[in-house]
PDB file of N, CA and C in Angstrom:
ATOM      1  N   MET A   1     -82.461 -84.553  42.543  1.00  0.00           N
ATOM      2  CA  MET A   1     -83.202 -85.114  41.430  1.00  0.00           C
ATOM      3  C   MET A   1     -84.416 -84.244  41.117  1.00  0.00           C
ATOM      4  N   ASN A   2     -84.738 -84.143  39.897  1.00  0.00           N
ATOM      5  CA  ASN A   2     -85.897 -83.418  39.449  1.00  0.00           C
ATOM      6  C   ASN A   2     -87.123 -84.307  39.645  1.00  0.00           C
ATOM      7  N   ALA A   3     -88.203 -83.743  40.177  1.00  0.00           N
ATOM      8  CA  ALA A   3     -89.405 -84.525  40.437  1.00  0.00           C
ATOM      9  C   ALA A   3     -90.047 -85.018  39.138  1.00  0.00           C
ATOM     10  N   MET A   4     -89.791 -84.336  38.026  1.00  0.00           N
ATOM     11  CA  MET A   4     -90.415 -84.698  36.758  1.00  0.00           C
ATOM     12  C   MET A   4     -89.771 -85.937  36.129  1.00  0.00           C
ATOM     13  N   ASN A   5     -88.505 -86.176  36.417  1.00  0.00           N
ATOM     14  CA  ASN A   5     -87.842 -87.349  35.867  1.00  0.00           C
ATOM     15  C   ASN A   5     -86.715 -87.743  36.798  1.00  0.00           C
ATOM     16  N   SER A   6     -85.974 -88.751  36.424  1.00  0.00           N
ATOM     17  CA  SER A   6     -84.943 -89.250  37.329  1.00  0.00           C
ATOM     18  C   SER A   6     -83.568 -88.632  37.078  1.00  0.00           C
ATOM     19  N   ARG A   7     -83.459 -87.703  36.112  1.00  0.00           N
ATOM     20  CA  ARG A   7     -82.173 -87.069  35.852  1.00  0.00           C
ATOM     21  C   ARG A   7     -81.894 -85.994  36.895  1.00  0.00           C
ATOM     22  N   PRO A   8     -80.632 -85.853  37.328  1.00  0.00           N
ATOM     23  CA  PRO A   8     -80.301 -84.784  38.270  1.00  0.00           C
ATOM     24  C   PRO A   8     -80.614 -83.423  37.669  1.00  0.00           C
ATOM     25  N   PHE A   9     -80.981 -82.468  38.538  1.00  0.00           N
ATOM     26  CA  PHE A   9     -81.370 -81.125  38.122  1.00  0.00           C
ATOM     27  C   PHE A   9     -80.296 -80.452  37.276  1.00  0.00           C
ATOM     28  N   ALA A  10     -79.026 -80.677  37.592  1.00  0.00           N
ATOM     29  CA  ALA A  10     -77.927 -80.035  36.862  1.00  0.00           C
ATOM     30  C   ALA A  10     -77.974 -80.373  35.375  1.00  0.00           C
ATOM     31  N   PHE A  11     -78.521 -81.534  35.030  1.00  0.00           N
ATOM     32  CA  PHE A  11     -78.593 -81.915  33.630  1.00  0.00           C
ATOM     33  C   PHE A  11     -79.860 -81.388  32.965  1.00  0.00           C
ATOM     34  N   VAL A  12     -80.790 -80.878  33.726  1.00  0.00           N
ATOM     35  CA  VAL A  12     -82.054 -80.405  33.191  1.00  0.00           C
ATOM     36  C   VAL A  12     -82.033 -78.903  32.976  1.00  0.00           C
ATOM     37  N   ARG A  13     -81.375 -78.165  33.857  1.00  0.00           N
ATOM     38  CA  ARG A  13     -81.414 -76.716  33.758  1.00  0.00           C
ATOM     39  C   ARG A  13     -80.645 -76.208  32.546  1.00  0.00           C
ATOM     40  N   THR A  14     -81.002 -75.021  32.099  1.00  0.00           N
ATOM     41  CA  THR A  14     -80.381 -74.408  30.938  1.00  0.00           C
ATOM     42  C   THR A  14     -78.926 -74.074  31.238  1.00  0.00           C
ATOM     43  N   PRO A  15     -78.019 -74.431  30.341  1.00  0.00           N
ATOM     44  CA  PRO A  15     -76.608 -74.098  30.582  1.00  0.00           C
ATOM     45  C   PRO A  15     -76.405 -72.585  30.620  1.00  0.00           C
ATOM     46  N   LEU A  16     -75.471 -72.147  31.455  1.00  0.00           N
ATOM     47  CA  LEU A  16     -75.163 -70.728  31.561  1.00  0.00           C
ATOM     48  C   LEU A  16     -74.307 -70.294  30.380  1.00  0.00           C
ATOM     49  N   PRO A  17     -74.514 -69.059  29.912  1.00  0.00           N
ATOM     50  CA  PRO A  17     -73.638 -68.559  28.847  1.00  0.00           C
ATOM     51  C   PRO A  17     -72.207 -68.428  29.366  1.00  0.00           C
ATOM     52  N   PRO A  18     -71.217 -68.599  28.507  1.00  0.00           N
ATOM     53  CA  PRO A  18     -69.810 -68.570  28.941  1.00  0.00           C
ATOM     54  C   PRO A  18     -69.417 -67.304  29.696  1.00  0.00           C
ATOM     55  N   GLU A  19     -70.005 -66.152  29.336  1.00  0.00           N
ATOM     56  CA  GLU A  19     -69.638 -64.907  30.020  1.00  0.00           C
ATOM     57  C   GLU A  19     -70.076 -64.883  31.485  1.00  0.00           C
ATOM     58  N   GLN A  20     -71.027 -65.723  31.854  1.00  0.00           N
ATOM     59  CA  GLN A  20     -71.445 -65.789  33.255  1.00  0.00           C
ATOM     60  C   GLN A  20     -70.595 -66.753  34.070  1.00  0.00           C
ATOM     61  N   LEU A  21     -69.823 -67.582  33.404  1.00  0.00           N
ATOM     62  CA  LEU A  21     -69.005 -68.567  34.100  1.00  0.00           C
ATOM     63  C   LEU A  21     -67.667 -67.997  34.565  1.00  0.00           C
ATOM     64  N   LYS A  22     -67.304 -66.831  34.052  1.00  0.00           N
ATOM     65  CA  LYS A  22     -66.059 -66.200  34.493  1.00  0.00           C
ATOM     66  C   LYS A  22     -66.365 -64.825  35.068  1.00  0.00           C
ATOM     67  N   LEU A  23     -65.492 -64.364  35.921  1.00  0.00           N
ATOM     68  CA  LEU A  23     -65.663 -63.074  36.584  1.00  0.00           C
ATOM     69  C   LEU A  23     -65.517 -61.948  35.572  1.00  0.00           C
ATOM     70  N   GLN A  24     -66.514 -61.086  35.511  1.00  0.00           N
ATOM     71  CA  GLN A  24     -66.485 -59.974  34.578  1.00  0.00           C
ATOM     72  C   GLN A  24     -65.626 -58.838  35.132  1.00  0.00           C
ATOM     73  N   VAL A  25     -65.161 -57.965  34.247  1.00  0.00           N
ATOM     74  CA  VAL A  25     -64.297 -56.849  34.634  1.00  0.00           C
ATOM     75  C   VAL A  25     -64.994 -55.966  35.669  1.00  0.00           C
ATOM     76  N   GLU A  26     -66.278 -55.702  35.479  1.00  0.00           N
ATOM     77  CA  GLU A  26     -67.030 -54.879  36.435  1.00  0.00           C
ATOM     78  C   GLU A  26     -67.034 -55.520  37.818  1.00  0.00           C
ATOM     79  N   ALA A  27     -67.139 -56.838  37.841  1.00  0.00           N
ATOM     80  CA  ALA A  27     -67.137 -57.561  39.113  1.00  0.00           C
ATOM     81  C   ALA A  27     -65.778 -57.459  39.795  1.00  0.00           C
ATOM     82  N   MET A  28     -64.716 -57.502  39.022  1.00  0.00           N
ATOM     83  CA  MET A  28     -63.378 -57.343  39.598  1.00  0.00           C
ATOM     84  C   MET A  28     -63.219 -55.956  40.213  1.00  0.00           C
ATOM     85  N   ARG A  29     -63.718 -54.951  39.521  1.00  0.00           N
ATOM     86  CA  ARG A  29     -63.669 -53.576  40.068  1.00  0.00           C
ATOM     87  C   ARG A  29     -64.487 -53.476  41.350  1.00  0.00           C
ATOM     88  N   TRP A  30     -65.673 -54.081  41.332  1.00  0.00           N
ATOM     89  CA  TRP A  30     -66.546 -54.049  42.509  1.00  0.00           C
ATOM     90  C   TRP A  30     -65.857 -54.705  43.706  1.00  0.00           C
ATOM     91  N   LEU A  31     -65.221 -55.846  43.460  1.00  0.00           N
ATOM     92  CA  LEU A  31     -64.497 -56.536  44.538  1.00  0.00           C
ATOM     93  C   LEU A  31     -63.403 -55.644  45.121  1.00  0.00           C
ATOM     94  N   LEU A  32     -62.661 -54.964  44.267  1.00  0.00           N
ATOM     95  CA  LEU A  32     -61.581 -54.091  44.741  1.00  0.00           C
ATOM     96  C   LEU A  32     -62.107 -52.878  45.498  1.00  0.00           C
ATOM     97  N   ASP A  33     -63.328 -52.442  45.184  1.00  0.00           N
ATOM     98  CA  ASP A  33     -63.934 -51.308  45.894  1.00  0.00           C
ATOM     99  C   ASP A  33     -64.433 -51.688  47.284  1.00  0.00           C
ATOM    100  N   LEU A  34     -64.664 -52.972  47.518  1.00  0.00           N
ATOM    101  CA  LEU A  34     -65.139 -53.415  48.835  1.00  0.00           C
ATOM    102  C   LEU A  34     -63.992 -53.385  49.844  1.00  0.00           C
ATOM    103  N   PRO A  35     -64.292 -53.140  51.119  1.00  0.00           N
ATOM    104  CA  PRO A  35     -63.244 -53.266  52.139  1.00  0.00           C
ATOM    105  C   PRO A  35     -62.716 -54.709  52.165  1.00  0.00           C
ATOM    106  N   ALA A  36     -61.427 -54.850  52.336  1.00  0.00           N
ATOM    107  CA  ALA A  36     -60.779 -56.172  52.302  1.00  0.00           C
ATOM    108  C   ALA A  36     -61.475 -57.219  53.175  1.00  0.00           C
ATOM    109  N   PRO A  37     -61.902 -56.880  54.400  1.00  0.00           N
ATOM    110  CA  PRO A  37     -62.510 -57.927  55.243  1.00  0.00           C
ATOM    111  C   PRO A  37     -63.833 -58.493  54.719  1.00  0.00           C
ATOM    112  N   VAL A  38     -64.499 -57.789  53.816  1.00  0.00           N
ATOM    113  CA  VAL A  38     -65.794 -58.291  53.330  1.00  0.00           C
ATOM    114  C   VAL A  38     -65.739 -58.758  51.879  1.00  0.00           C
ATOM    115  N   ARG A  39     -64.593 -58.711  51.245  1.00  0.00           N
ATOM    116  CA  ARG A  39     -64.471 -59.168  49.852  1.00  0.00           C
ATOM    117  C   ARG A  39     -64.726 -60.671  49.766  1.00  0.00           C
ATOM    118  N   PRO A  40     -65.714 -61.077  48.988  1.00  0.00           N
ATOM    119  CA  PRO A  40     -66.010 -62.509  48.850  1.00  0.00           C
ATOM    120  C   PRO A  40     -65.107 -63.176  47.805  1.00  0.00           C
ATOM    121  N   LEU A  41     -63.859 -63.378  48.151  1.00  0.00           N
ATOM    122  CA  LEU A  41     -62.878 -63.898  47.194  1.00  0.00           C
ATOM    123  C   LEU A  41     -63.125 -65.358  46.833  1.00  0.00           C
ATOM    124  N   LYS A  42     -63.454 -66.178  47.828  1.00  0.00           N
ATOM    125  CA  LYS A  42     -63.734 -67.590  47.527  1.00  0.00           C
ATOM    126  C   LYS A  42     -65.003 -67.714  46.692  1.00  0.00           C
ATOM    127  N   LEU A  43     -65.996 -66.902  47.023  1.00  0.00           N
ATOM    128  CA  LEU A  43     -67.230 -66.880  46.233  1.00  0.00           C
ATOM    129  C   LEU A  43     -66.915 -66.518  44.787  1.00  0.00           C
ATOM    130  N   SER A  44     -66.055 -65.527  44.591  1.00  0.00           N
ATOM    131  CA  SER A  44     -65.733 -65.093  43.227  1.00  0.00           C
ATOM    132  C   SER A  44     -64.988 -66.174  42.452  1.00  0.00           C
ATOM    133  N   ARG A  45     -64.201 -66.979  43.136  1.00  0.00           N
ATOM    134  CA  ARG A  45     -63.476 -68.065  42.458  1.00  0.00           C
ATOM    135  C   ARG A  45     -64.390 -69.241  42.126  1.00  0.00           C
ATOM    136  N   GLN A  46     -65.287 -69.556  43.051  1.00  0.00           N
ATOM    137  CA  GLN A  46     -66.117 -70.753  42.877  1.00  0.00           C
ATOM    138  C   GLN A  46     -67.457 -70.475  42.205  1.00  0.00           C
ATOM    139  N   TYR A  47     -67.966 -69.261  42.373  1.00  0.00           N
ATOM    140  CA  TYR A  47     -69.299 -68.917  41.862  1.00  0.00           C
ATOM    141  C   TYR A  47     -69.252 -67.538  41.209  1.00  0.00           C
ATOM    142  N   ALA A  48     -68.500 -67.415  40.132  1.00  0.00           N
ATOM    143  CA  ALA A  48     -68.338 -66.126  39.447  1.00  0.00           C
ATOM    144  C   ALA A  48     -69.685 -65.537  39.035  1.00  0.00           C
ATOM    145  N   ARG A  49     -70.614 -66.380  38.611  1.00  0.00           N
ATOM    146  CA  ARG A  49     -71.919 -65.879  38.163  1.00  0.00           C
ATOM    147  C   ARG A  49     -72.647 -65.137  39.276  1.00  0.00           C
ATOM    148  N   ILE A  50     -72.479 -65.586  40.523  1.00  0.00           N
ATOM    149  CA  ILE A  50     -73.133 -64.926  41.649  1.00  0.00           C
ATOM    150  C   ILE A  50     -72.503 -63.558  41.897  1.00  0.00           C
ATOM    151  N   VAL A  51     -71.183 -63.482  41.829  1.00  0.00           N
ATOM    152  CA  VAL A  51     -70.502 -62.192  42.031  1.00  0.00           C
ATOM    153  C   VAL A  51     -70.840 -61.244  40.884  1.00  0.00           C
ATOM    154  N   ASN A  52     -70.925 -61.757  39.668  1.00  0.00           N
ATOM    155  CA  ASN A  52     -71.332 -60.914  38.538  1.00  0.00           C
ATOM    156  C   ASN A  52     -72.729 -60.339  38.780  1.00  0.00           C
ATOM    157  N   ARG A  53     -73.623 -61.164  39.285  1.00  0.00           N
ATOM    158  CA  ARG A  53     -74.997 -60.706  39.568  1.00  0.00           C
ATOM    159  C   ARG A  53     -75.021 -59.704  40.719  1.00  0.00           C
ATOM    160  N   LEU A  54     -74.264 -59.971  41.770  1.00  0.00           N
ATOM    161  CA  LEU A  54     -74.187 -59.024  42.891  1.00  0.00           C
ATOM    162  C   LEU A  54     -73.676 -57.670  42.428  1.00  0.00           C
ATOM    163  N   THR A  55     -72.711 -57.679  41.518  1.00  0.00           N
ATOM    164  CA  THR A  55     -72.166 -56.439  40.976  1.00  0.00           C
ATOM    165  C   THR A  55     -73.264 -55.623  40.296  1.00  0.00           C
ATOM    166  N   GLN A  56     -74.113 -56.284  39.553  1.00  0.00           N
ATOM    167  CA  GLN A  56     -75.213 -55.599  38.866  1.00  0.00           C
ATOM    168  C   GLN A  56     -76.242 -55.055  39.852  1.00  0.00           C
ATOM    169  N   LEU A  57     -76.539 -55.839  40.892  1.00  0.00           N
ATOM    170  CA  LEU A  57     -77.614 -55.483  41.817  1.00  0.00           C
ATOM    171  C   LEU A  57     -77.182 -54.562  42.953  1.00  0.00           C
ATOM    172  N   TRP A  58     -75.893 -54.451  43.223  1.00  0.00           N
ATOM    173  CA  TRP A  58     -75.387 -53.724  44.382  1.00  0.00           C
ATOM    174  C   TRP A  58     -76.008 -52.328  44.547  1.00  0.00           C
ATOM    175  N   PRO A  59     -76.157 -51.534  43.485  1.00  0.00           N
ATOM    176  CA  PRO A  59     -76.750 -50.201  43.673  1.00  0.00           C
ATOM    177  C   PRO A  59     -78.266 -50.211  43.870  1.00  0.00           C
ATOM    178  N   GLU A  60     -78.924 -51.316  43.583  1.00  0.00           N
ATOM    179  CA  GLU A  60     -80.386 -51.410  43.691  1.00  0.00           C
ATOM    180  C   GLU A  60     -80.747 -52.038  45.038  1.00  0.00           C
ATOM    181  N   GLU A  61     -80.975 -51.208  46.027  1.00  0.00           N
ATOM    182  CA  GLU A  61     -81.076 -51.682  47.404  1.00  0.00           C
ATOM    183  C   GLU A  61     -82.044 -52.843  47.612  1.00  0.00           C
ATOM    184  N   SER A  62     -83.282 -52.712  47.192  1.00  0.00           N
ATOM    185  CA  SER A  62     -84.250 -53.778  47.484  1.00  0.00           C
ATOM    186  C   SER A  62     -83.927 -55.054  46.698  1.00  0.00           C
ATOM    187  N   SER A  63     -83.510 -54.910  45.450  1.00  0.00           N
ATOM    188  CA  SER A  63     -83.176 -56.090  44.640  1.00  0.00           C
ATOM    189  C   SER A  63     -81.949 -56.807  45.179  1.00  0.00           C
ATOM    190  N   CYS A  64     -80.945 -56.030  45.571  1.00  0.00           N
ATOM    191  CA  CYS A  64     -79.716 -56.630  46.082  1.00  0.00           C
ATOM    192  C   CYS A  64     -79.973 -57.346  47.406  1.00  0.00           C
ATOM    193  N   ARG A  65     -80.733 -56.706  48.283  1.00  0.00           N
ATOM    194  CA  ARG A  65     -81.035 -57.328  49.571  1.00  0.00           C
ATOM    195  C   ARG A  65     -81.819 -58.629  49.370  1.00  0.00           C
ATOM    196  N   ARG A  66     -82.775 -58.594  48.457  1.00  0.00           N
ATOM    197  CA  ARG A  66     -83.568 -59.798  48.164  1.00  0.00           C
ATOM    198  C   ARG A  66     -82.666 -60.915  47.639  1.00  0.00           C
ATOM    199  N   TYR A  67     -81.731 -60.558  46.751  1.00  0.00           N
ATOM    200  CA  TYR A  67     -80.828 -61.552  46.184  1.00  0.00           C
ATOM    201  C   TYR A  67     -79.904 -62.126  47.254  1.00  0.00           C
ATOM    202  N   LEU A  68     -79.337 -61.258  48.091  1.00  0.00           N
ATOM    203  CA  LEU A  68     -78.477 -61.739  49.177  1.00  0.00           C
ATOM    204  C   LEU A  68     -79.247 -62.657  50.117  1.00  0.00           C
ATOM    205  N   ASP A  69     -80.470 -62.265  50.448  1.00  0.00           N
ATOM    206  CA  ASP A  69     -81.302 -63.115  51.311  1.00  0.00           C
ATOM    207  C   ASP A  69     -81.580 -64.461  50.648  1.00  0.00           C
ATOM    208  N   SER A  70     -81.836 -64.456  49.348  1.00  0.00           N
ATOM    209  CA  SER A  70     -82.140 -65.708  48.648  1.00  0.00           C
ATOM    210  C   SER A  70     -80.927 -66.636  48.618  1.00  0.00           C
ATOM    211  N   LEU A  71     -79.728 -66.053  48.641  1.00  0.00           N
ATOM    212  CA  LEU A  71     -78.525 -66.885  48.672  1.00  0.00           C
ATOM    213  C   LEU A  71     -78.334 -67.535  50.036  1.00  0.00           C
ATOM    214  N   MET A  72     -78.794 -66.847  51.082  1.00  0.00           N
ATOM    215  CA  MET A  72     -78.603 -67.336  52.441  1.00  0.00           C
ATOM    216  C   MET A  72     -79.701 -68.304  52.878  1.00  0.00           C
ATOM    217  N   LEU A  73     -80.883 -68.202  52.270  1.00  0.00           N
ATOM    218  CA  LEU A  73     -82.021 -69.031  52.671  1.00  0.00           C
ATOM    219  C   LEU A  73     -82.456 -69.930  51.524  1.00  0.00           C
ATOM    220  N   ASP A  74     -82.766 -71.171  51.847  1.00  0.00           N
ATOM    221  CA  ASP A  74     -83.255 -72.118  50.849  1.00  0.00           C
ATOM    222  C   ASP A  74     -84.755 -71.937  50.715  1.00  0.00           C
ATOM    223  N   GLU A  75     -85.160 -71.174  49.698  1.00  0.00           N
ATOM    224  CA  GLU A  75     -86.581 -70.906  49.495  1.00  0.00           C
ATOM    225  C   GLU A  75     -87.267 -71.971  48.635  1.00  0.00           C
ATOM    226  N   ARG A  76     -86.462 -72.774  47.928  1.00  0.00           N
ATOM    227  CA  ARG A  76     -87.038 -73.789  47.042  1.00  0.00           C
ATOM    228  C   ARG A  76     -87.088 -75.165  47.685  1.00  0.00           C
ATOM    229  N   GLY A  77     -86.322 -75.364  48.736  1.00  0.00           N
ATOM    230  CA  GLY A  77     -86.310 -76.650  49.418  1.00  0.00           C
ATOM    231  C   GLY A  77     -85.418 -77.667  48.731  1.00  0.00           C
ATOM    232  N   GLY A  78     -84.727 -78.459  49.548  1.00  0.00           N
ATOM    233  CA  GLY A  78     -83.920 -79.546  49.031  1.00  0.00           C
ATOM    234  C   GLY A  78     -82.628 -79.154  48.343  1.00  0.00           C
ATOM    235  N   ARG A  79     -82.173 -77.930  48.543  1.00  0.00           N
ATOM    236  CA  ARG A  79     -80.934 -77.501  47.903  1.00  0.00           C
ATOM    237  C   ARG A  79     -79.746 -77.914  48.743  1.00  0.00           C
ATOM    238  N   GLN A  80     -78.634 -78.132  48.094  1.00  0.00           N
ATOM    239  CA  GLN A  80     -77.423 -78.597  48.766  1.00  0.00           C
ATOM    240  C   GLN A  80     -76.834 -77.532  49.689  1.00  0.00           C
ATOM    241  N   GLY A  81     -76.848 -76.287  49.265  1.00  0.00           N
ATOM    242  CA  GLY A  81     -76.268 -75.207  50.054  1.00  0.00           C
ATOM    243  C   GLY A  81     -74.802 -74.991  49.705  1.00  0.00           C
ATOM    244  N   PHE A  82     -74.268 -73.911  50.230  1.00  0.00           N
ATOM    245  CA  PHE A  82     -72.884 -73.537  49.970  1.00  0.00           C
ATOM    246  C   PHE A  82     -71.964 -74.119  51.023  1.00  0.00           C
ATOM    247  N   PRO A  83     -70.684 -74.271  50.683  1.00  0.00           N
ATOM    248  CA  PRO A  83     -69.693 -74.641  51.703  1.00  0.00           C
ATOM    249  C   PRO A  83     -69.629 -73.552  52.779  1.00  0.00           C
ATOM    250  N   LEU A  84     -69.202 -73.933  53.971  1.00  0.00           N
ATOM    251  CA  LEU A  84     -69.195 -73.017  55.111  1.00  0.00           C
ATOM    252  C   LEU A  84     -68.428 -71.729  54.828  1.00  0.00           C
ATOM    253  N   GLU A  85     -67.266 -71.801  54.172  1.00  0.00           N
ATOM    254  CA  GLU A  85     -66.486 -70.588  53.930  1.00  0.00           C
ATOM    255  C   GLU A  85     -67.227 -69.618  53.006  1.00  0.00           C
ATOM    256  N   ILE A  86     -68.036 -70.135  52.100  1.00  0.00           N
ATOM    257  CA  ILE A  86     -68.850 -69.285  51.224  1.00  0.00           C
ATOM    258  C   ILE A  86     -69.987 -68.655  52.022  1.00  0.00           C
ATOM    259  N   VAL A  87     -70.609 -69.435  52.883  1.00  0.00           N
ATOM    260  CA  VAL A  87     -71.676 -68.913  53.740  1.00  0.00           C
ATOM    261  C   VAL A  87     -71.137 -67.790  54.622  1.00  0.00           C
ATOM    262  N   MET A  88     -69.937 -67.961  55.141  1.00  0.00           N
ATOM    263  CA  MET A  88     -69.318 -66.925  55.980  1.00  0.00           C
ATOM    264  C   MET A  88     -69.072 -65.647  55.168  1.00  0.00           C
ATOM    265  N   GLU A  89     -68.570 -65.802  53.962  1.00  0.00           N
ATOM    266  CA  GLU A  89     -68.344 -64.627  53.115  1.00  0.00           C
ATOM    267  C   GLU A  89     -69.660 -63.923  52.784  1.00  0.00           C
ATOM    268  N   LEU A  90     -70.679 -64.695  52.460  1.00  0.00           N
ATOM    269  CA  LEU A  90     -71.978 -64.096  52.166  1.00  0.00           C
ATOM    270  C   LEU A  90     -72.550 -63.385  53.391  1.00  0.00           C
ATOM    271  N   GLY A  91     -72.380 -63.988  54.561  1.00  0.00           N
ATOM    272  CA  GLY A  91     -72.840 -63.357  55.794  1.00  0.00           C
ATOM    273  C   GLY A  91     -72.125 -62.040  56.059  1.00  0.00           C
ATOM    274  N   ASN A  92     -70.815 -62.027  55.859  1.00  0.00           N
ATOM    275  CA  ASN A  92     -70.048 -60.783  56.035  1.00  0.00           C
ATOM    276  C   ASN A  92     -70.505 -59.715  55.049  1.00  0.00           C
ATOM    277  N   LEU A  93     -70.745 -60.127  53.819  1.00  0.00           N
ATOM    278  CA  LEU A  93     -71.192 -59.191  52.793  1.00  0.00           C
ATOM    279  C   LEU A  93     -72.578 -58.650  53.121  1.00  0.00           C
ATOM    280  N   LEU A  94     -73.462 -59.510  53.581  1.00  0.00           N
ATOM    281  CA  LEU A  94     -74.810 -59.087  53.955  1.00  0.00           C
ATOM    282  C   LEU A  94     -74.763 -58.116  55.134  1.00  0.00           C
ATOM    283  N   ASN A  95     -73.929 -58.394  56.128  1.00  0.00           N
ATOM    284  CA  ASN A  95     -73.783 -57.469  57.267  1.00  0.00           C
ATOM    285  C   ASN A  95     -73.255 -56.116  56.809  1.00  0.00           C
ATOM    286  N   TYR A  96     -72.288 -56.123  55.904  1.00  0.00           N
ATOM    287  CA  TYR A  96     -71.745 -54.875  55.370  1.00  0.00           C
ATOM    288  C   TYR A  96     -72.826 -54.117  54.602  1.00  0.00           C
ATOM    289  N   TYR A  97     -73.605 -54.833  53.806  1.00  0.00           N
ATOM    290  CA  TYR A  97     -74.680 -54.191  53.048  1.00  0.00           C
ATOM    291  C   TYR A  97     -75.697 -53.563  54.004  1.00  0.00           C
ATOM    292  N   ASP A  98     -75.990 -54.257  55.090  1.00  0.00           N
ATOM    293  CA  ASP A  98     -76.910 -53.716  56.096  1.00  0.00           C
ATOM    294  C   ASP A  98     -76.353 -52.455  56.747  1.00  0.00           C
ATOM    295  N   GLU A  99     -75.041 -52.376  56.913  1.00  0.00           N
ATOM    296  CA  GLU A  99     -74.427 -51.154  57.447  1.00  0.00           C
ATOM    297  C   GLU A  99     -74.561 -50.002  56.456  1.00  0.00           C
ATOM    298  N   LEU A 100     -74.383 -50.304  55.177  1.00  0.00           N
ATOM    299  CA  LEU A 100     -74.509 -49.273  54.146  1.00  0.00           C
ATOM    300  C   LEU A 100     -75.953 -48.824  53.957  1.00  0.00           C
ATOM    301  N   HIS A 101     -76.865 -49.773  54.078  1.00  0.00           N
ATOM    302  CA  HIS A 101     -78.285 -49.524  53.824  1.00  0.00           C
ATOM    303  C   HIS A 101     -79.114 -50.076  54.978  1.00  0.00           C
ATOM    304  N   PRO A 102     -79.127 -49.376  56.104  1.00  0.00           N
ATOM    305  CA  PRO A 102     -79.919 -49.893  57.235  1.00  0.00           C
ATOM    306  C   PRO A 102     -81.398 -49.998  56.859  1.00  0.00           C
ATOM    307  N   VAL A 103     -82.014 -51.042  57.329  1.00  0.00           N
ATOM    308  CA  VAL A 103     -83.445 -51.220  57.100  1.00  0.00           C
ATOM    309  C   VAL A 103     -84.162 -50.214  57.978  1.00  0.00           C
ATOM    310  N   ARG A 104     -84.928 -49.376  57.324  1.00  0.00           N
ATOM    311  CA  ARG A 104     -85.653 -48.335  58.062  1.00  0.00           C
ATOM    312  C   ARG A 104     -87.100 -48.760  58.242  1.00  0.00           C
ATOM    313  N   SER A 105     -87.588 -48.637  59.445  1.00  0.00           N
ATOM    314  CA  SER A 105     -88.996 -48.934  59.655  1.00  0.00           C
ATOM    315  C   SER A 105     -89.777 -47.627  59.560  1.00  0.00           C
ATOM    316  N   ALA A 106     -91.022 -47.765  59.184  1.00  0.00           N
ATOM    317  CA  ALA A 106     -91.885 -46.594  59.056  1.00  0.00           C
ATOM    318  C   ALA A 106     -92.219 -46.044  60.435  1.00  0.00           C
ATOM    319  N   PRO A 107     -92.415 -44.726  60.535  1.00  0.00           N
ATOM    320  CA  PRO A 107     -92.860 -44.160  61.818  1.00  0.00           C
ATOM    321  C   PRO A 107     -94.195 -44.767  62.227  1.00  0.00           C
ATOM    322  N   VAL A 108     -94.441 -44.799  63.502  1.00  0.00           N
ATOM    323  CA  VAL A 108     -95.635 -45.460  64.035  1.00  0.00           C
ATOM    324  C   VAL A 108     -96.918 -44.909  63.421  1.00  0.00           C
ATOM    325  N   TRP A 109     -96.957 -43.614  63.089  1.00  0.00           N
ATOM    326  CA  TRP A 109     -98.178 -43.037  62.532  1.00  0.00           C
ATOM    327  C   TRP A 109     -98.434 -43.495  61.098  1.00  0.00           C
ATOM    328  N   GLU A 110     -97.429 -44.138  60.460  1.00  0.00           N
ATOM    329  CA  GLU A 110     -97.621 -44.662  59.110  1.00  0.00           C
ATOM    330  C   GLU A 110     -97.996 -46.148  59.106  1.00  0.00           C
ATOM    331  N   TRP A 111     -98.018 -46.780  60.280  1.00  0.00           N
ATOM    332  CA  TRP A 111     -98.377 -48.193  60.343  1.00  0.00           C
ATOM    333  C   TRP A 111     -99.841 -48.339  59.955  1.00  0.00           C
ATOM    334  N   GLY A 112    -100.151 -49.423  59.312  1.00  0.00           N
ATOM    335  CA  GLY A 112    -101.548 -49.690  58.976  1.00  0.00           C
ATOM    336  C   GLY A 112    -102.208 -50.421  60.123  1.00  0.00           C
ATOM    337  N   GLY A 113    -103.328 -49.958  60.562  1.00  0.00           N
ATOM    338  CA  GLY A 113    -104.072 -50.640  61.607  1.00  0.00           C
ATOM    339  C   GLY A 113    -103.784 -50.098  62.989  1.00  0.00           C
ATOM    340  N   ASN A 114    -104.467 -50.661  63.949  1.00  0.00           N
ATOM    341  CA  ASN A 114    -104.378 -50.242  65.346  1.00  0.00           C
ATOM    342  C   ASN A 114    -103.240 -50.996  66.021  1.00  0.00           C
ATOM    343  N   THR A 115    -102.246 -50.300  66.538  1.00  0.00           N
ATOM    344  CA  THR A 115    -101.090 -50.938  67.144  1.00  0.00           C
ATOM    345  C   THR A 115    -101.292 -51.288  68.605  1.00  0.00           C
ATOM    346  N   LEU A 116    -102.402 -50.832  69.204  1.00  0.00           N
ATOM    347  CA  LEU A 116    -102.612 -51.092  70.622  1.00  0.00           C
ATOM    348  C   LEU A 116    -103.438 -52.351  70.873  1.00  0.00           C
ATOM    349  N   GLY A 117    -103.907 -52.985  69.842  1.00  0.00           N
ATOM    350  CA  GLY A 117    -104.609 -54.246  70.013  1.00  0.00           C
ATOM    351  C   GLY A 117    -106.084 -54.121  70.342  1.00  0.00           C
ATOM    352  N   TYR A 118    -106.672 -52.965  70.228  1.00  0.00           N
ATOM    353  CA  TYR A 118    -108.127 -52.829  70.455  1.00  0.00           C
ATOM    354  C   TYR A 118    -108.753 -51.968  69.408  1.00  0.00           C
TER     355      TYR A 118
END
């Protein structure tokens, strides 16, 4: 429910344009380019808009990682969440993305501040 009124949130939010409700051609190509074990097929069937967005963000490392993280974590509170099989697919995809783009930490001399605690 929306805190502003008693109508469910689904009736308050802006409807998605029809092109976001179906899997776009670019998204189909992206899915086929992924290794079979990490292809989010159930996600693409149930949440085409998310796969369309992932397709757009995939080459943009920081944006894509942020989006994948936002799908896995409830940052707004009170969200229903995805079914387990979707969560598993997203987890596999996130692990694969981490393999492609390992998070690099800065060398110790680039850290801000004193690392020894004094």
